N, C-alpha and C. Protein backbone atom coordinates (compact mmCIF):
# COMPACT_ATOMS: atom_id res chain seq x y z
N MET A 1 98.29 116.08 54.39
CA MET A 1 99.71 115.95 54.23
C MET A 1 100.14 116.18 52.81
N VAL A 2 99.33 115.69 51.86
CA VAL A 2 99.64 115.85 50.46
C VAL A 2 99.60 117.32 50.09
N ALA A 3 98.59 118.08 50.52
CA ALA A 3 98.51 119.49 50.23
C ALA A 3 99.72 120.25 50.87
N TRP A 4 100.12 119.84 52.03
CA TRP A 4 101.27 120.46 52.71
C TRP A 4 102.53 120.28 51.86
N PHE A 5 102.82 119.09 51.37
CA PHE A 5 103.95 118.83 50.61
C PHE A 5 103.85 119.50 49.22
N ALA A 6 102.70 119.45 48.56
CA ALA A 6 102.46 120.12 47.32
C ALA A 6 102.79 121.61 47.44
N GLY A 7 102.25 122.23 48.50
CA GLY A 7 102.57 123.66 48.74
C GLY A 7 104.03 123.96 48.92
N LEU A 8 104.70 123.05 49.75
CA LEU A 8 106.16 123.26 49.93
C LEU A 8 106.91 123.19 48.63
N PHE A 9 106.63 122.15 47.81
CA PHE A 9 107.31 122.01 46.52
C PHE A 9 107.16 123.25 45.65
N TYR A 10 105.91 123.81 45.63
CA TYR A 10 105.64 124.91 44.74
C TYR A 10 106.21 126.17 45.30
N LEU A 11 106.10 126.33 46.59
CA LEU A 11 106.58 127.59 47.29
C LEU A 11 108.09 127.84 46.98
N VAL A 12 108.86 126.88 47.22
CA VAL A 12 110.31 127.06 47.00
C VAL A 12 110.66 127.25 45.48
N ARG A 13 109.83 126.66 44.63
CA ARG A 13 110.01 126.91 43.17
C ARG A 13 109.73 128.36 42.89
N LEU A 14 108.71 128.95 43.57
CA LEU A 14 108.40 130.35 43.39
C LEU A 14 109.62 131.25 43.88
N PHE A 15 110.26 130.78 44.96
CA PHE A 15 111.42 131.53 45.43
C PHE A 15 112.51 131.55 44.33
N VAL A 16 112.66 130.43 43.64
CA VAL A 16 113.65 130.36 42.51
C VAL A 16 113.27 131.46 41.53
N TYR A 17 112.05 131.47 41.09
CA TYR A 17 111.64 132.46 40.10
C TYR A 17 111.79 133.89 40.64
N HIS A 18 111.48 134.12 41.89
CA HIS A 18 111.50 135.37 42.50
C HIS A 18 112.97 135.90 42.41
N ILE A 19 113.95 135.03 42.75
CA ILE A 19 115.34 135.42 42.67
C ILE A 19 115.76 135.69 41.21
N GLU A 20 115.35 134.85 40.37
CA GLU A 20 115.72 134.95 38.93
C GLU A 20 115.14 136.21 38.32
N ALA A 21 114.07 136.76 38.90
CA ALA A 21 113.51 137.99 38.37
C ALA A 21 114.52 139.17 38.54
N TYR A 22 115.44 139.09 39.48
CA TYR A 22 116.48 140.14 39.66
C TYR A 22 117.28 140.31 38.39
N GLU A 23 117.35 139.29 37.56
CA GLU A 23 118.14 139.36 36.32
C GLU A 23 117.39 140.13 35.20
N LYS A 24 116.15 140.43 35.39
CA LYS A 24 115.33 141.06 34.41
C LYS A 24 115.52 142.55 34.38
N GLU A 25 115.03 143.24 33.41
CA GLU A 25 115.02 144.71 33.39
C GLU A 25 114.17 145.26 34.57
N PRO A 26 114.49 146.45 35.09
CA PRO A 26 113.83 146.96 36.29
C PRO A 26 112.31 146.93 36.23
N GLU A 27 111.71 147.30 35.13
CA GLU A 27 110.25 147.43 35.00
C GLU A 27 109.65 146.03 35.09
N GLU A 28 110.22 145.11 34.34
CA GLU A 28 109.71 143.71 34.30
C GLU A 28 109.98 143.07 35.72
N ARG A 29 111.13 143.33 36.31
CA ARG A 29 111.53 142.77 37.58
C ARG A 29 110.50 143.13 38.61
N ASP A 30 110.17 144.44 38.68
CA ASP A 30 109.22 144.89 39.68
C ASP A 30 107.88 144.24 39.57
N ILE A 31 107.36 144.08 38.37
CA ILE A 31 106.08 143.44 38.12
C ILE A 31 106.14 142.00 38.59
N LEU A 32 107.19 141.31 38.16
CA LEU A 32 107.30 139.89 38.48
C LEU A 32 107.41 139.67 40.02
N GLN A 33 108.24 140.50 40.62
CA GLN A 33 108.46 140.30 42.12
C GLN A 33 107.25 140.66 42.85
N LYS A 34 106.48 141.56 42.47
CA LYS A 34 105.20 141.84 43.17
C LYS A 34 104.26 140.62 42.99
N GLN A 35 104.24 140.10 41.83
CA GLN A 35 103.31 138.95 41.57
C GLN A 35 103.74 137.75 42.38
N TYR A 36 105.08 137.51 42.34
CA TYR A 36 105.60 136.34 43.05
C TYR A 36 105.36 136.48 44.65
N HIS A 37 105.49 137.69 45.10
CA HIS A 37 105.21 137.89 46.55
C HIS A 37 103.73 137.58 46.87
N ILE A 38 102.80 138.04 46.04
CA ILE A 38 101.38 137.70 46.26
C ILE A 38 101.23 136.19 46.17
N MET A 39 101.75 135.54 45.21
CA MET A 39 101.59 134.12 45.08
C MET A 39 102.21 133.34 46.23
N GLU A 40 103.41 133.74 46.66
CA GLU A 40 104.08 133.07 47.78
C GLU A 40 103.30 133.26 49.11
N SER A 41 102.85 134.50 49.35
CA SER A 41 102.08 134.74 50.59
C SER A 41 100.82 133.98 50.62
N ARG A 42 100.09 133.98 49.53
CA ARG A 42 98.79 133.23 49.52
C ARG A 42 99.04 131.75 49.63
N LEU A 43 99.98 131.21 48.91
CA LEU A 43 100.24 129.79 48.96
C LEU A 43 100.60 129.35 50.37
N TYR A 44 101.40 130.16 51.04
CA TYR A 44 101.88 129.84 52.38
C TYR A 44 100.71 129.94 53.38
N THR A 45 99.96 131.09 53.33
CA THR A 45 98.94 131.28 54.36
C THR A 45 97.63 130.51 54.12
N ILE A 46 97.34 130.25 52.85
CA ILE A 46 96.04 129.62 52.54
C ILE A 46 96.21 128.08 52.37
N ILE A 47 97.41 127.60 52.01
CA ILE A 47 97.58 126.18 51.74
C ILE A 47 98.61 125.56 52.68
N CYS A 48 99.83 126.07 52.65
CA CYS A 48 100.88 125.38 53.47
C CYS A 48 100.62 125.34 54.94
N ARG A 49 100.43 126.51 55.55
CA ARG A 49 100.30 126.49 57.02
C ARG A 49 99.03 125.75 57.46
N PRO A 50 97.84 126.05 56.83
CA PRO A 50 96.70 125.23 57.32
C PRO A 50 96.87 123.76 57.06
N ALA A 51 97.46 123.35 55.98
CA ALA A 51 97.67 121.92 55.74
C ALA A 51 98.67 121.32 56.80
N MET A 52 99.63 122.12 57.19
CA MET A 52 100.56 121.61 58.19
C MET A 52 99.83 121.46 59.55
N ILE A 53 98.99 122.43 59.88
CA ILE A 53 98.20 122.33 61.08
C ILE A 53 97.27 121.10 61.08
N MET A 54 96.61 120.90 59.96
CA MET A 54 95.72 119.82 59.85
C MET A 54 96.46 118.42 59.99
N THR A 55 97.63 118.38 59.34
CA THR A 55 98.41 117.23 59.43
C THR A 55 98.78 116.89 60.88
N TRP A 56 99.16 117.90 61.62
CA TRP A 56 99.50 117.74 63.04
C TRP A 56 98.25 117.27 63.83
N LEU A 57 97.12 117.93 63.59
CA LEU A 57 95.92 117.61 64.35
C LEU A 57 95.48 116.18 64.07
N PHE A 58 95.44 115.76 62.78
CA PHE A 58 95.03 114.38 62.46
C PHE A 58 96.07 113.41 62.98
N GLY A 59 97.37 113.70 62.89
CA GLY A 59 98.38 112.80 63.40
C GLY A 59 98.31 112.63 64.97
N LEU A 60 98.19 113.75 65.63
CA LEU A 60 98.05 113.65 67.10
C LEU A 60 96.75 113.01 67.48
N GLY A 61 95.72 113.18 66.73
CA GLY A 61 94.42 112.51 67.00
C GLY A 61 94.52 111.06 66.81
N MET A 62 95.25 110.57 65.82
CA MET A 62 95.50 109.17 65.61
C MET A 62 96.25 108.57 66.79
N ILE A 63 97.29 109.29 67.29
CA ILE A 63 98.02 108.81 68.42
C ILE A 63 97.16 108.77 69.64
N TYR A 64 96.30 109.78 69.83
CA TYR A 64 95.41 109.73 71.02
C TYR A 64 94.45 108.51 70.89
N ILE A 65 93.87 108.32 69.73
CA ILE A 65 92.95 107.14 69.54
C ILE A 65 93.64 105.85 69.80
N MET A 66 94.85 105.67 69.28
CA MET A 66 95.55 104.40 69.37
C MET A 66 96.13 104.25 70.75
N GLY A 67 96.36 105.30 71.49
CA GLY A 67 96.83 105.19 72.90
C GLY A 67 98.31 105.40 73.05
N LEU A 68 98.71 105.77 74.23
CA LEU A 68 100.12 106.07 74.51
C LEU A 68 100.97 104.76 74.57
N GLU A 69 100.30 103.61 74.88
CA GLU A 69 101.09 102.41 74.79
C GLU A 69 101.53 102.10 73.37
N TRP A 70 100.59 102.23 72.50
CA TRP A 70 100.92 102.09 71.05
C TRP A 70 102.08 103.00 70.62
N LEU A 71 102.05 104.22 71.06
CA LEU A 71 103.14 105.16 70.79
C LEU A 71 104.45 104.60 71.37
N GLY A 72 104.39 104.20 72.54
CA GLY A 72 105.64 103.70 73.17
C GLY A 72 106.17 102.47 72.55
N GLU A 73 105.32 101.61 71.94
CA GLU A 73 105.78 100.36 71.34
C GLU A 73 106.35 100.49 69.96
N ASN A 74 106.00 101.62 69.32
CA ASN A 74 106.38 101.76 67.90
C ASN A 74 107.50 102.85 67.73
N ASN A 75 108.73 102.31 67.69
CA ASN A 75 109.87 103.24 67.52
C ASN A 75 109.87 103.98 66.22
N TRP A 76 109.33 103.40 65.19
CA TRP A 76 109.23 104.08 63.89
C TRP A 76 108.52 105.37 64.02
N LEU A 77 107.46 105.39 64.85
CA LEU A 77 106.62 106.54 65.03
C LEU A 77 107.40 107.71 65.69
N HIS A 78 108.33 107.38 66.61
CA HIS A 78 109.16 108.41 67.22
C HIS A 78 110.00 109.11 66.18
N VAL A 79 110.57 108.34 65.25
CA VAL A 79 111.43 108.88 64.23
C VAL A 79 110.57 109.68 63.32
N LYS A 80 109.39 109.19 62.96
CA LYS A 80 108.51 109.88 62.09
C LYS A 80 108.05 111.18 62.68
N LEU A 81 107.77 111.24 63.97
CA LEU A 81 107.40 112.48 64.62
C LEU A 81 108.56 113.45 64.61
N ALA A 82 109.72 112.99 64.81
CA ALA A 82 110.89 113.85 64.78
C ALA A 82 111.08 114.47 63.36
N LEU A 83 110.83 113.68 62.36
CA LEU A 83 110.91 114.17 60.94
C LEU A 83 109.85 115.21 60.69
N VAL A 84 108.64 114.97 61.25
CA VAL A 84 107.57 115.91 61.02
C VAL A 84 107.87 117.29 61.76
N VAL A 85 108.50 117.17 62.91
CA VAL A 85 108.91 118.39 63.67
C VAL A 85 109.93 119.17 62.83
N LEU A 86 110.90 118.43 62.22
CA LEU A 86 111.86 119.08 61.40
C LEU A 86 111.22 119.69 60.13
N LEU A 87 110.32 118.97 59.59
CA LEU A 87 109.60 119.46 58.36
C LEU A 87 108.74 120.74 58.74
N SER A 88 108.21 120.73 59.89
CA SER A 88 107.45 121.89 60.37
C SER A 88 108.38 123.07 60.50
N ALA A 89 109.61 122.90 61.01
CA ALA A 89 110.57 123.94 61.13
C ALA A 89 110.96 124.45 59.73
N TYR A 90 111.16 123.58 58.84
CA TYR A 90 111.41 123.96 57.41
C TYR A 90 110.33 124.79 56.84
N SER A 91 109.11 124.32 57.06
CA SER A 91 107.96 125.05 56.61
C SER A 91 107.86 126.48 57.16
N GLU A 92 108.14 126.59 58.46
CA GLU A 92 108.06 127.92 59.10
C GLU A 92 109.19 128.79 58.61
N TYR A 93 110.35 128.20 58.40
CA TYR A 93 111.46 128.96 57.84
C TYR A 93 111.12 129.54 56.49
N ASN A 94 110.40 128.80 55.61
CA ASN A 94 109.90 129.34 54.35
C ASN A 94 109.03 130.55 54.53
N GLY A 95 108.25 130.54 55.63
CA GLY A 95 107.46 131.76 55.92
C GLY A 95 108.32 132.98 56.19
N ARG A 96 109.43 132.77 56.84
CA ARG A 96 110.39 133.89 57.06
C ARG A 96 111.02 134.28 55.76
N ILE A 97 111.35 133.33 54.93
CA ILE A 97 111.89 133.69 53.64
C ILE A 97 110.96 134.63 52.82
N ILE A 98 109.72 134.35 52.87
CA ILE A 98 108.73 135.22 52.17
C ILE A 98 108.89 136.65 52.64
N SER A 99 108.95 136.86 53.92
CA SER A 99 109.07 138.19 54.51
C SER A 99 110.42 138.89 54.09
N ARG A 100 111.46 138.08 54.07
CA ARG A 100 112.76 138.64 53.66
C ARG A 100 112.74 138.98 52.16
N LEU A 101 112.17 138.13 51.34
CA LEU A 101 112.09 138.45 49.90
C LEU A 101 111.24 139.71 49.60
N HIS A 102 110.23 139.86 50.43
CA HIS A 102 109.34 140.99 50.22
C HIS A 102 110.09 142.30 50.56
N LYS A 103 111.04 142.19 51.49
CA LYS A 103 111.86 143.33 51.89
C LYS A 103 113.00 143.59 50.84
N GLY A 104 113.10 142.74 49.90
CA GLY A 104 114.08 142.94 48.83
C GLY A 104 115.41 142.26 49.09
N GLU A 105 115.47 141.45 50.15
CA GLU A 105 116.72 140.68 50.46
C GLU A 105 116.87 139.51 49.51
N ILE A 106 118.12 139.30 49.10
CA ILE A 106 118.39 138.09 48.30
C ILE A 106 118.87 137.03 49.32
N VAL A 107 117.97 136.19 49.73
CA VAL A 107 118.19 135.21 50.75
C VAL A 107 119.26 134.18 50.33
N MET A 108 119.13 133.66 49.19
CA MET A 108 120.13 132.75 48.58
C MET A 108 119.98 132.74 47.12
N SER A 109 120.92 132.17 46.42
CA SER A 109 120.91 132.14 44.95
C SER A 109 119.79 131.24 44.48
N ALA A 110 119.44 131.35 43.23
CA ALA A 110 118.42 130.53 42.56
C ALA A 110 118.88 129.06 42.69
N TYR A 111 120.15 128.81 42.41
CA TYR A 111 120.70 127.51 42.52
C TYR A 111 120.58 126.89 43.91
N ARG A 112 120.82 127.67 44.91
CA ARG A 112 120.68 127.16 46.28
C ARG A 112 119.24 126.92 46.62
N PHE A 113 118.36 127.76 46.11
CA PHE A 113 116.87 127.49 46.30
C PHE A 113 116.47 126.22 45.55
N ARG A 114 117.08 125.88 44.43
CA ARG A 114 116.79 124.66 43.80
C ARG A 114 117.17 123.45 44.70
N LEU A 115 118.34 123.56 45.31
CA LEU A 115 118.77 122.51 46.25
C LEU A 115 117.86 122.46 47.45
N PHE A 116 117.48 123.69 47.98
CA PHE A 116 116.59 123.77 49.11
C PHE A 116 115.23 123.21 48.79
N ASN A 117 114.86 123.22 47.50
CA ASN A 117 113.57 122.67 47.11
C ASN A 117 113.54 121.16 47.19
N GLU A 118 114.72 120.52 47.28
CA GLU A 118 114.77 119.06 47.41
C GLU A 118 114.58 118.53 48.83
N VAL A 119 114.68 119.44 49.78
CA VAL A 119 114.54 119.04 51.19
C VAL A 119 113.23 118.35 51.45
N PRO A 120 112.08 118.93 51.01
CA PRO A 120 110.85 118.15 51.30
C PRO A 120 110.76 116.82 50.64
N THR A 121 111.44 116.63 49.53
CA THR A 121 111.54 115.34 48.85
C THR A 121 112.11 114.32 49.71
N LEU A 122 113.22 114.73 50.37
CA LEU A 122 113.86 113.78 51.31
C LEU A 122 113.01 113.44 52.51
N PHE A 123 112.35 114.46 53.06
CA PHE A 123 111.38 114.24 54.19
C PHE A 123 110.27 113.31 53.72
N LEU A 124 109.74 113.56 52.56
CA LEU A 124 108.55 112.73 52.06
C LEU A 124 109.05 111.36 51.92
N LEU A 125 110.22 111.10 51.31
CA LEU A 125 110.67 109.71 51.20
C LEU A 125 110.84 108.99 52.55
N ALA A 126 111.52 109.72 53.44
CA ALA A 126 111.71 109.10 54.78
C ALA A 126 110.46 108.81 55.54
N ILE A 127 109.53 109.77 55.56
CA ILE A 127 108.27 109.70 56.30
C ILE A 127 107.38 108.57 55.72
N VAL A 128 107.30 108.58 54.40
CA VAL A 128 106.41 107.50 53.74
C VAL A 128 107.04 106.12 54.00
N LEU A 129 108.36 106.00 53.87
CA LEU A 129 109.00 104.72 54.16
C LEU A 129 108.70 104.27 55.59
N LEU A 130 108.79 105.19 56.54
CA LEU A 130 108.50 104.82 57.90
C LEU A 130 107.03 104.42 58.14
N ALA A 131 106.15 105.20 57.48
CA ALA A 131 104.71 104.94 57.63
C ALA A 131 104.32 103.57 56.97
N VAL A 132 104.90 103.28 55.81
CA VAL A 132 104.50 102.07 55.09
C VAL A 132 105.19 100.84 55.68
N CYS A 133 106.48 100.95 55.90
CA CYS A 133 107.22 99.78 56.36
C CYS A 133 107.21 99.60 57.89
N LYS A 134 106.93 100.61 58.65
CA LYS A 134 106.88 100.61 60.07
C LYS A 134 108.10 99.91 60.65
N ASN A 135 107.89 98.89 61.50
CA ASN A 135 108.96 98.24 62.18
C ASN A 135 109.74 97.25 61.36
N MET A 136 109.35 97.11 60.08
CA MET A 136 110.04 96.08 59.23
C MET A 136 111.41 96.55 58.70
N ILE A 137 111.65 97.83 58.77
CA ILE A 137 112.91 98.33 58.15
C ILE A 137 113.94 98.64 59.25
N ASN A 138 115.15 98.57 58.81
CA ASN A 138 116.30 98.87 59.63
C ASN A 138 116.52 100.42 59.51
N PHE A 139 116.49 101.14 60.55
CA PHE A 139 116.65 102.59 60.47
C PHE A 139 117.98 103.00 59.91
N GLY A 140 119.01 102.26 60.20
CA GLY A 140 120.32 102.55 59.69
C GLY A 140 120.37 102.50 58.22
N TYR A 141 119.88 101.41 57.61
CA TYR A 141 119.80 101.26 56.18
C TYR A 141 118.95 102.31 55.58
N THR A 142 117.87 102.62 56.14
CA THR A 142 116.92 103.60 55.60
C THR A 142 117.63 104.99 55.62
N PHE A 143 118.34 105.32 56.65
CA PHE A 143 119.01 106.60 56.76
C PHE A 143 120.05 106.71 55.62
N VAL A 144 120.86 105.65 55.43
CA VAL A 144 121.87 105.61 54.38
C VAL A 144 121.16 105.80 53.02
N ALA A 145 120.04 105.06 52.84
CA ALA A 145 119.40 105.18 51.49
C ALA A 145 118.87 106.61 51.24
N VAL A 146 118.36 107.26 52.25
CA VAL A 146 117.86 108.64 52.07
C VAL A 146 119.06 109.56 51.81
N ILE A 147 120.16 109.34 52.47
CA ILE A 147 121.34 110.23 52.23
C ILE A 147 121.85 109.96 50.82
N LEU A 148 121.89 108.71 50.38
CA LEU A 148 122.34 108.47 49.02
C LEU A 148 121.37 109.10 47.99
N PHE A 149 120.09 109.08 48.26
CA PHE A 149 119.15 109.70 47.39
C PHE A 149 119.38 111.22 47.36
N ALA A 150 119.77 111.78 48.48
CA ALA A 150 120.07 113.25 48.56
C ALA A 150 121.29 113.54 47.70
N VAL A 151 122.27 112.69 47.71
CA VAL A 151 123.47 112.87 46.93
C VAL A 151 123.10 112.85 45.45
N VAL A 152 122.27 111.91 45.06
CA VAL A 152 121.79 111.80 43.67
C VAL A 152 121.06 113.06 43.23
N LEU A 153 120.19 113.53 44.11
CA LEU A 153 119.43 114.80 43.79
C LEU A 153 120.39 115.92 43.63
N MET A 154 121.42 116.03 44.47
CA MET A 154 122.40 117.12 44.46
C MET A 154 123.20 117.05 43.07
N VAL A 155 123.57 115.85 42.73
CA VAL A 155 124.35 115.65 41.46
C VAL A 155 123.49 116.09 40.31
N PHE A 156 122.20 115.63 40.23
CA PHE A 156 121.41 116.03 39.12
C PHE A 156 121.19 117.55 39.10
N THR A 157 121.01 118.14 40.27
CA THR A 157 120.86 119.59 40.32
C THR A 157 122.09 120.32 39.77
N LYS A 158 123.25 119.82 40.14
CA LYS A 158 124.46 120.46 39.55
C LYS A 158 124.52 120.28 38.05
N ILE A 159 124.20 119.12 37.57
CA ILE A 159 124.17 118.88 36.16
C ILE A 159 123.24 119.83 35.46
N TYR A 160 122.05 119.99 36.02
CA TYR A 160 121.04 120.88 35.52
C TYR A 160 121.56 122.36 35.47
N LYS A 161 122.29 122.74 36.52
CA LYS A 161 122.88 124.05 36.63
C LYS A 161 123.86 124.23 35.45
N ARG A 162 124.66 123.25 35.19
CA ARG A 162 125.64 123.39 34.07
C ARG A 162 124.94 123.54 32.71
N ILE A 163 123.92 122.73 32.54
CA ILE A 163 123.15 122.78 31.27
C ILE A 163 122.52 124.17 31.15
N ARG A 164 121.93 124.68 32.18
CA ARG A 164 121.30 126.07 32.12
C ARG A 164 122.35 127.10 31.90
N THR A 165 123.46 127.02 32.49
CA THR A 165 124.51 127.95 32.40
C THR A 165 125.03 128.04 30.91
N LYS A 166 125.14 126.89 30.32
CA LYS A 166 125.63 126.80 28.91
C LYS A 166 124.59 127.36 27.95
N GLN A 167 123.32 127.25 28.29
CA GLN A 167 122.26 127.69 27.38
C GLN A 167 122.04 129.18 27.41
N LYS A 168 122.48 129.92 28.47
CA LYS A 168 122.26 131.33 28.57
C LYS A 168 123.07 132.03 27.53
N PRO A 169 122.43 133.09 26.92
CA PRO A 169 123.17 133.86 25.88
C PRO A 169 124.36 134.63 26.47
């Protein structure tokens, strides 16, 4: 799970750099984008996807060992599984982004990729809270806390964008 998240954090950061390379001179841009594509593809196929598959296998294995009664009794696990399904969709969508970037498409701006890079942070926070606190937490309060954290991340990303924009020559 840690490798999966680490890969997701770094992969989207590479997308930011890939898009920012469009601002470079053509010769430099081509070199950078080729290198970013190699790095993105390898990171996704060698780390992200295998780590995602292993996370699913170990998680489903744990459910099998604990039994279906245990699964039925633990509502936190249902929410956690739903979050892992959504995180898997996010991960697979990143794989499609790699293909689109390789074709030369500008999928979204560097700023939007910076926001997109915070998505796994929210998943990580929610999933870890569910796993650690289990049935002790109120899902409503947890959901509100994660949303508030998302707002804080968005505000800091906007502040960072303003700072970067002012520093550009």
